[in-house]
Protein backbone atom coordinates (compact mmCIF):
# COMPACT_ATOMS: atom_id res chain seq x y z
CA UNK A 1 110.50 104.27 74.03
CA UNK A 2 112.14 101.29 76.07
CA UNK A 3 111.88 103.17 79.22
CA UNK A 4 108.41 104.16 78.76
CA UNK A 5 107.26 100.57 77.85
CA UNK A 6 109.02 99.23 80.91
CA UNK A 7 107.39 101.85 83.09
CA UNK A 8 104.08 100.75 81.56
CA UNK A 9 104.62 97.08 82.22
CA UNK A 10 105.80 97.80 85.81
CA UNK A 11 102.65 99.80 86.45
CA UNK A 12 100.46 97.11 84.76
CA UNK A 13 102.14 94.44 86.83
CA UNK A 14 101.58 96.20 90.12
CA UNK A 15 97.83 97.01 89.13
CA UNK A 16 97.38 93.35 88.60
CA UNK A 17 99.19 92.24 91.67
CA UNK A 18 102.34 91.03 90.35
CA UNK A 19 104.10 89.28 93.49
CA UNK A 20 107.65 90.67 92.99
CA UNK A 21 106.53 94.18 92.92
CA UNK A 22 104.03 93.75 95.83
CA UNK A 23 106.84 91.95 97.72
CA UNK A 24 109.11 95.06 97.48
CA UNK A 25 105.99 97.29 98.71
CA UNK A 26 105.56 94.83 101.65
CA UNK A 27 109.30 95.07 102.71
CA UNK A 28 109.03 98.78 102.68
CA UNK A 29 106.52 98.55 105.64
CA UNK A 30 108.34 95.76 107.67
CA UNK A 31 109.56 98.12 110.35
CA UNK A 32 106.40 100.08 110.75
CA UNK A 33 104.66 97.57 112.63
CA UNK A 34 107.51 97.24 115.20
CA UNK A 35 107.71 100.89 115.55
CA UNK A 36 103.83 101.50 115.66
CA UNK A 37 103.48 99.82 119.08
CA UNK A 38 100.24 98.42 118.23
CA UNK A 39 98.94 94.74 118.36
CA UNK A 40 98.89 92.97 114.97
CA UNK A 41 95.03 93.20 114.71
CA UNK A 42 94.80 96.87 115.58
CA UNK A 43 97.80 97.61 112.98
CA UNK A 44 95.91 95.84 110.21
CA UNK A 45 92.68 97.58 110.85
CA UNK A 46 94.40 100.95 111.15
CA UNK A 47 96.05 100.20 107.86
CA UNK A 48 92.82 99.40 106.16
CA UNK A 49 91.19 102.57 107.59
CA UNK A 50 93.99 104.58 106.03
CA UNK A 51 93.39 102.82 102.84
CA UNK A 52 89.83 104.02 102.82
CA UNK A 53 90.83 107.49 103.70
CA UNK A 54 92.97 107.76 100.71
CA UNK A 55 90.78 106.00 98.21
CA UNK A 56 93.09 103.31 97.43
CA UNK A 57 93.02 100.84 94.70
CA UNK A 58 91.41 97.46 94.79
CA UNK A 59 95.03 95.67 94.92
CA UNK A 60 95.80 97.64 98.07
CA UNK A 61 92.90 96.23 99.76
CA UNK A 62 93.69 92.64 98.24
CA UNK A 63 97.04 92.86 100.04
CA UNK A 64 95.76 94.26 103.37
CA UNK A 65 92.78 92.07 103.55
CA UNK A 66 94.86 89.03 102.66
CA UNK A 67 97.40 89.97 105.51
CA UNK A 68 94.34 90.74 108.05
CA UNK A 69 92.94 87.33 107.14
CA UNK A 70 96.17 85.61 107.83
CA UNK A 71 96.15 87.18 111.61
CA UNK A 72 92.58 85.94 111.95
CA UNK A 73 90.87 89.31 111.30
CA UNK A 74 87.22 88.44 110.11
CA UNK A 75 85.29 90.47 107.30
CA UNK A 76 82.84 91.25 110.34
CA UNK A 77 85.81 93.35 112.10
CA UNK A 78 86.71 95.00 108.75
CA UNK A 79 83.10 95.98 108.28
CA UNK A 80 83.00 97.33 112.10
CA UNK A 81 86.15 99.53 111.10
CA UNK A 82 84.26 100.96 108.07
CA UNK A 83 81.47 101.95 110.42
CA UNK A 84 83.61 103.34 112.93
CA UNK A 85 85.51 105.51 110.37
CA UNK A 86 82.34 106.58 108.41
CA UNK A 87 81.54 109.73 110.26
CA UNK A 88 84.95 110.80 109.66
CA UNK A 89 85.62 109.86 105.92
CA UNK A 90 82.11 109.85 104.76
CA UNK A 91 79.56 107.65 103.46
CA UNK A 92 80.79 107.99 99.77
CA UNK A 93 84.31 106.96 100.73
CA UNK A 94 83.29 103.95 102.71
CA UNK A 95 80.98 102.84 99.92
CA UNK A 96 83.67 103.28 97.26
CA UNK A 97 86.10 101.24 99.53
CA UNK A 98 83.68 98.48 100.03
CA UNK A 99 83.33 98.17 96.39
CA UNK A 100 87.09 98.26 95.95
CA UNK A 101 87.41 95.63 98.68
CA UNK A 102 85.26 93.35 96.63
CA UNK A 103 86.91 93.90 93.24
CA UNK A 104 90.21 93.10 95.11
CA UNK A 105 88.75 89.89 96.60
CA UNK A 106 87.49 89.03 93.23
CA UNK A 107 91.04 89.77 91.85
CA UNK A 108 92.30 87.18 94.33
CA UNK A 109 89.73 84.64 93.11
CA UNK A 110 90.67 85.27 89.45
CA UNK A 111 94.58 84.88 90.36
CA UNK A 112 93.99 81.69 92.16
CA UNK A 113 91.78 80.23 89.37
CA UNK A 114 94.57 81.11 86.82
CA UNK A 115 96.86 79.21 89.12
CA UNK A 116 94.70 76.12 89.15
CA UNK A 117 94.53 76.15 85.34
């Protein structure tokens, strides 16, 4: 029972954007940027496009949109990426991704509110 409870707590923390777990995930991808040979903005947009293709969870968008924002990628550029990949992944996947991006951004706002209180 203890292992099962621990696993549930870890999954819940991950889904809610718990920093230590997300930091571990971020560390897993550190070397991929250097090996990609892409510039920072292209790399970030490719990652967002891949998230759309796999129908990722809102917290995945939260992480990647945050990283994109930190390097100066506007939401308009993210939108352009969605337009560019729509013929490949399909409109349903793009609409789902946009909804999940908004939920991820809402999660970020809620977390910021919690920190302020």
